[in-house]
Amino acid sequence: MKKITDERLKLKNLKVIRLAFVIQYIGIIGLLSYDYIKNGQEGLDGNPLWLLFIITNVVMAFGAMPISTDHENLKKSPSYSNYFFVSLLIGVAVAVLTIIMSPSSSIRTIVLIGALFFICFLVPFTVLYHFRKKNFDDSNEDE
């Protein structure tokens, strides 16, 4: 297969790949919806397409981060403590909501749920911080 060197053809190829991905994505959502309607939440949890759907969304989100941070014009260096405290606040808020919604839950379960949400928000915030910091440092070197 010959390597594509024309920019127009590369763009056209990317559009075809995007269309195929959208069709595949819609198909996965359709299959998961059908499984949910037929078997309920229990059937959906056991479906390997559910895991594929979650992994695809995570990869898309992490893949879009460097692209979105390239378009930002930061006036000052990003602060990691802001990301940490936002993640901590979300973890505490989820723990409090768990106490309100399920008062019979054990303290261990509440702390575990809050800690999981804290980690799940801290990881992408940390990656985003590093992209923003790198872009800020690169833009200051250019000046």
C-alpha atoms as a PDB file:
ATOM      1  CA  MET A   1       0.000   0.000   0.000  1.00  0.00           C
ATOM      2  CA  LYS A   2       1.330   3.394  -1.010  1.00  0.00           C
ATOM      3  CA  LYS A   3       1.782   6.035   1.702  1.00  0.00           C
ATOM      4  CA  ILE A   4      -0.538   9.023   1.369  1.00  0.00           C
ATOM      5  CA  THR A   5       1.381  12.298   1.092  1.00  0.00           C
ATOM      6  CA  ASP A   6      -1.327  14.687  -0.132  1.00  0.00           C
ATOM      7  CA  GLU A   7      -2.943  16.610   2.746  1.00  0.00           C
ATOM      8  CA  ARG A   8      -6.391  16.569   1.101  1.00  0.00           C
ATOM      9  CA  LEU A   9      -6.296  12.795   0.838  1.00  0.00           C
ATOM     10  CA  LYS A  10      -5.140  12.489   4.459  1.00  0.00           C
ATOM     11  CA  LEU A  11      -8.065  14.639   5.570  1.00  0.00           C
ATOM     12  CA  LYS A  12     -10.478  12.605   3.439  1.00  0.00           C
ATOM     13  CA  ASN A  13      -9.072   9.375   4.931  1.00  0.00           C
ATOM     14  CA  LEU A  14      -9.511  10.736   8.462  1.00  0.00           C
ATOM     15  CA  LYS A  15     -13.132  11.644   7.663  1.00  0.00           C
ATOM     16  CA  VAL A  16     -13.789   8.084   6.469  1.00  0.00           C
ATOM     17  CA  ILE A  17     -12.211   6.668   9.627  1.00  0.00           C
ATOM     18  CA  ARG A  18     -14.304   9.060  11.730  1.00  0.00           C
ATOM     19  CA  LEU A  19     -17.491   7.977   9.956  1.00  0.00           C
ATOM     20  CA  ALA A  20     -16.666   4.292  10.528  1.00  0.00           C
ATOM     21  CA  PHE A  21     -15.956   5.020  14.181  1.00  0.00           C
ATOM     22  CA  VAL A  22     -19.278   6.865  14.596  1.00  0.00           C
ATOM     23  CA  ILE A  23     -21.180   3.975  13.026  1.00  0.00           C
ATOM     24  CA  GLN A  24     -19.380   1.497  15.269  1.00  0.00           C
ATOM     25  CA  TYR A  25     -20.069   3.674  18.317  1.00  0.00           C
ATOM     26  CA  ILE A  26     -23.779   3.928  17.480  1.00  0.00           C
ATOM     27  CA  GLY A  27     -23.884   0.146  17.013  1.00  0.00           C
ATOM     28  CA  ILE A  28     -22.346  -0.439  20.453  1.00  0.00           C
ATOM     29  CA  ILE A  29     -24.827   1.969  22.065  1.00  0.00           C
ATOM     30  CA  GLY A  30     -27.678   0.200  20.240  1.00  0.00           C
ATOM     31  CA  LEU A  31     -26.541  -3.238  21.392  1.00  0.00           C
ATOM     32  CA  LEU A  32     -26.124  -2.049  24.978  1.00  0.00           C
ATOM     33  CA  SER A  33     -29.553  -0.390  24.910  1.00  0.00           C
ATOM     34  CA  TYR A  34     -31.148  -3.583  23.590  1.00  0.00           C
ATOM     35  CA  ASP A  35     -29.394  -5.628  26.278  1.00  0.00           C
ATOM     36  CA  TYR A  36     -30.539  -3.180  28.967  1.00  0.00           C
ATOM     37  CA  ILE A  37     -34.153  -3.309  27.775  1.00  0.00           C
ATOM     38  CA  LYS A  38     -34.104  -7.110  27.487  1.00  0.00           C
ATOM     39  CA  ASN A  39     -32.145  -8.078  30.633  1.00  0.00           C
ATOM     40  CA  GLY A  40     -32.059  -4.972  32.813  1.00  0.00           C
ATOM     41  CA  GLN A  41     -29.045  -3.614  34.657  1.00  0.00           C
ATOM     42  CA  GLU A  42     -27.787  -7.083  35.623  1.00  0.00           C
ATOM     43  CA  GLY A  43     -27.523  -8.162  31.993  1.00  0.00           C
ATOM     44  CA  LEU A  44     -25.824  -4.932  31.035  1.00  0.00           C
ATOM     45  CA  ASP A  45     -23.146  -5.250  33.722  1.00  0.00           C
ATOM     46  CA  GLY A  46     -22.085  -8.671  32.429  1.00  0.00           C
ATOM     47  CA  ASN A  47     -21.821  -7.552  28.808  1.00  0.00           C
ATOM     48  CA  PRO A  48     -18.215  -7.129  27.572  1.00  0.00           C
ATOM     49  CA  LEU A  49     -19.393  -4.377  25.204  1.00  0.00           C
ATOM     50  CA  TRP A  50     -20.020  -2.247  28.292  1.00  0.00           C
ATOM     51  CA  LEU A  51     -16.321  -2.466  29.169  1.00  0.00           C
ATOM     52  CA  LEU A  52     -15.397  -1.666  25.556  1.00  0.00           C
ATOM     53  CA  PHE A  53     -17.717   1.357  25.630  1.00  0.00           C
ATOM     54  CA  ILE A  54     -16.144   2.680  28.853  1.00  0.00           C
ATOM     55  CA  ILE A  55     -12.574   2.117  27.637  1.00  0.00           C
ATOM     56  CA  THR A  56     -13.357   3.820  24.318  1.00  0.00           C
ATOM     57  CA  ASN A  57     -14.727   6.888  26.101  1.00  0.00           C
ATOM     58  CA  VAL A  58     -11.720   7.101  28.417  1.00  0.00           C
ATOM     59  CA  VAL A  59      -9.272   6.794  25.511  1.00  0.00           C
ATOM     60  CA  MET A  60     -11.164   9.465  23.543  1.00  0.00           C
ATOM     61  CA  ALA A  61     -11.158  11.827  26.518  1.00  0.00           C
ATOM     62  CA  PHE A  62      -7.451  11.380  27.234  1.00  0.00           C
ATOM     63  CA  GLY A  63      -6.670  11.662  23.515  1.00  0.00           C
ATOM     64  CA  ALA A  64      -8.555  14.961  23.239  1.00  0.00           C
ATOM     65  CA  MET A  65      -6.787  16.545  26.231  1.00  0.00           C
ATOM     66  CA  PRO A  66      -3.560  17.590  24.492  1.00  0.00           C
ATOM     67  CA  ILE A  67      -5.536  18.951  21.547  1.00  0.00           C
ATOM     68  CA  SER A  68      -7.795  21.068  23.740  1.00  0.00           C
ATOM     69  CA  THR A  69      -4.926  22.399  25.860  1.00  0.00           C
ATOM     70  CA  ASP A  70      -3.012  23.502  22.741  1.00  0.00           C
ATOM     71  CA  HIS A  71      -5.713  26.115  22.086  1.00  0.00           C
ATOM     72  CA  GLU A  72      -5.534  27.667  25.557  1.00  0.00           C
ATOM     73  CA  ASN A  73      -3.662  30.887  26.222  1.00  0.00           C
ATOM     74  CA  LEU A  74      -2.641  30.758  29.859  1.00  0.00           C
ATOM     75  CA  LYS A  75      -1.544  34.052  31.422  1.00  0.00           C
ATOM     76  CA  LYS A  76      -0.009  32.420  34.496  1.00  0.00           C
ATOM     77  CA  SER A  77       1.370  29.012  35.357  1.00  0.00           C
ATOM     78  CA  PRO A  78      -1.288  26.440  36.311  1.00  0.00           C
ATOM     79  CA  SER A  79      -1.457  25.482  39.984  1.00  0.00           C
ATOM     80  CA  TYR A  80      -1.610  21.799  40.871  1.00  0.00           C
ATOM     81  CA  SER A  81      -3.154  22.542  44.268  1.00  0.00           C
ATOM     82  CA  ASN A  82      -6.341  23.768  42.548  1.00  0.00           C
ATOM     83  CA  TYR A  83      -6.765  20.425  40.781  1.00  0.00           C
ATOM     84  CA  PHE A  84      -6.041  18.533  43.995  1.00  0.00           C
ATOM     85  CA  PHE A  85      -8.584  20.493  46.039  1.00  0.00           C
ATOM     86  CA  VAL A  86     -11.287  20.197  43.371  1.00  0.00           C
ATOM     87  CA  SER A  87     -10.751  16.419  43.309  1.00  0.00           C
ATOM     88  CA  LEU A  88     -10.837  16.312  47.109  1.00  0.00           C
ATOM     89  CA  LEU A  89     -14.020  18.384  47.186  1.00  0.00           C
ATOM     90  CA  ILE A  90     -15.697  16.034  44.695  1.00  0.00           C
ATOM     91  CA  GLY A  91     -14.634  12.980  46.730  1.00  0.00           C
ATOM     92  CA  VAL A  92     -16.010  14.491  49.948  1.00  0.00           C
ATOM     93  CA  ALA A  93     -19.227  15.580  48.229  1.00  0.00           C
ATOM     94  CA  VAL A  94     -19.804  12.069  46.875  1.00  0.00           C
ATOM     95  CA  ALA A  95     -19.118  10.596  50.328  1.00  0.00           C
ATOM     96  CA  VAL A  96     -21.672  12.987  51.870  1.00  0.00           C
ATOM     97  CA  LEU A  97     -24.207  12.104  49.153  1.00  0.00           C
ATOM     98  CA  THR A  98     -23.594   8.429  49.900  1.00  0.00           C
ATOM     99  CA  ILE A  99     -24.372   9.062  53.571  1.00  0.00           C
ATOM    100  CA  ILE A 100     -27.567  10.920  52.628  1.00  0.00           C
ATOM    101  CA  MET A 101     -28.757   8.429  50.005  1.00  0.00           C
ATOM    102  CA  SER A 102     -27.789   5.267  51.866  1.00  0.00           C
ATOM    103  CA  PRO A 103     -27.660   5.900  55.623  1.00  0.00           C
ATOM    104  CA  SER A 104     -27.197   2.200  56.370  1.00  0.00           C
ATOM    105  CA  SER A 105     -23.837   2.099  54.552  1.00  0.00           C
ATOM    106  CA  SER A 106     -20.780   1.392  56.642  1.00  0.00           C
ATOM    107  CA  ILE A 107     -18.086   4.024  57.158  1.00  0.00           C
ATOM    108  CA  ARG A 108     -15.671   1.807  55.233  1.00  0.00           C
ATOM    109  CA  THR A 109     -17.973   1.778  52.188  1.00  0.00           C
ATOM    110  CA  ILE A 110     -18.502   5.542  52.352  1.00  0.00           C
ATOM    111  CA  VAL A 111     -14.763   6.239  52.597  1.00  0.00           C
ATOM    112  CA  LEU A 112     -14.062   3.795  49.764  1.00  0.00           C
ATOM    113  CA  ILE A 113     -16.601   5.447  47.459  1.00  0.00           C
ATOM    114  CA  GLY A 114     -15.304   8.931  48.287  1.00  0.00           C
ATOM    115  CA  ALA A 115     -11.688   7.819  47.763  1.00  0.00           C
ATOM    116  CA  LEU A 116     -12.517   6.203  44.409  1.00  0.00           C
ATOM    117  CA  PHE A 117     -14.173   9.385  43.157  1.00  0.00           C
ATOM    118  CA  PHE A 118     -11.208  11.415  44.437  1.00  0.00           C
ATOM    119  CA  ILE A 119      -8.766   9.208  42.507  1.00  0.00           C
ATOM    120  CA  CYS A 120     -10.974   9.074  39.408  1.00  0.00           C
ATOM    121  CA  PHE A 121     -10.982  12.875  39.231  1.00  0.00           C
ATOM    122  CA  LEU A 122      -7.367  13.378  40.329  1.00  0.00           C
ATOM    123  CA  VAL A 123      -5.864  11.226  37.551  1.00  0.00           C
ATOM    124  CA  PRO A 124      -7.347  13.172  34.594  1.00  0.00           C
ATOM    125  CA  PHE A 125      -6.781  16.478  36.394  1.00  0.00           C
ATOM    126  CA  THR A 126      -3.116  15.534  36.860  1.00  0.00           C
ATOM    127  CA  VAL A 127      -2.728  14.652  33.181  1.00  0.00           C
ATOM    128  CA  LEU A 128      -4.457  17.913  32.226  1.00  0.00           C
ATOM    129  CA  TYR A 129      -2.172  19.850  34.576  1.00  0.00           C
ATOM    130  CA  HIS A 130       0.935  18.367  32.972  1.00  0.00           C
ATOM    131  CA  PHE A 131      -0.307  19.227  29.463  1.00  0.00           C
ATOM    132  CA  ARG A 132      -1.131  22.788  30.536  1.00  0.00           C
ATOM    133  CA  LYS A 133       2.196  23.177  32.344  1.00  0.00           C
ATOM    134  CA  LYS A 134       4.105  21.905  29.283  1.00  0.00           C
ATOM    135  CA  ASN A 135       2.214  24.284  26.972  1.00  0.00           C
ATOM    136  CA  PHE A 136       2.784  27.194  29.369  1.00  0.00           C
ATOM    137  CA  ASP A 137       6.508  26.450  29.584  1.00  0.00           C
ATOM    138  CA  ASP A 138       6.773  26.063  25.795  1.00  0.00           C
ATOM    139  CA  SER A 139       4.968  29.361  25.187  1.00  0.00           C
ATOM    140  CA  ASN A 140       7.264  31.176  27.660  1.00  0.00           C
ATOM    141  CA  GLU A 141      10.371  29.755  25.945  1.00  0.00           C
ATOM    142  CA  ASP A 142       9.160  31.135  22.612  1.00  0.00           C
ATOM    143  CA  GLU A 143       8.883  34.673  23.990  1.00  0.00           C
END
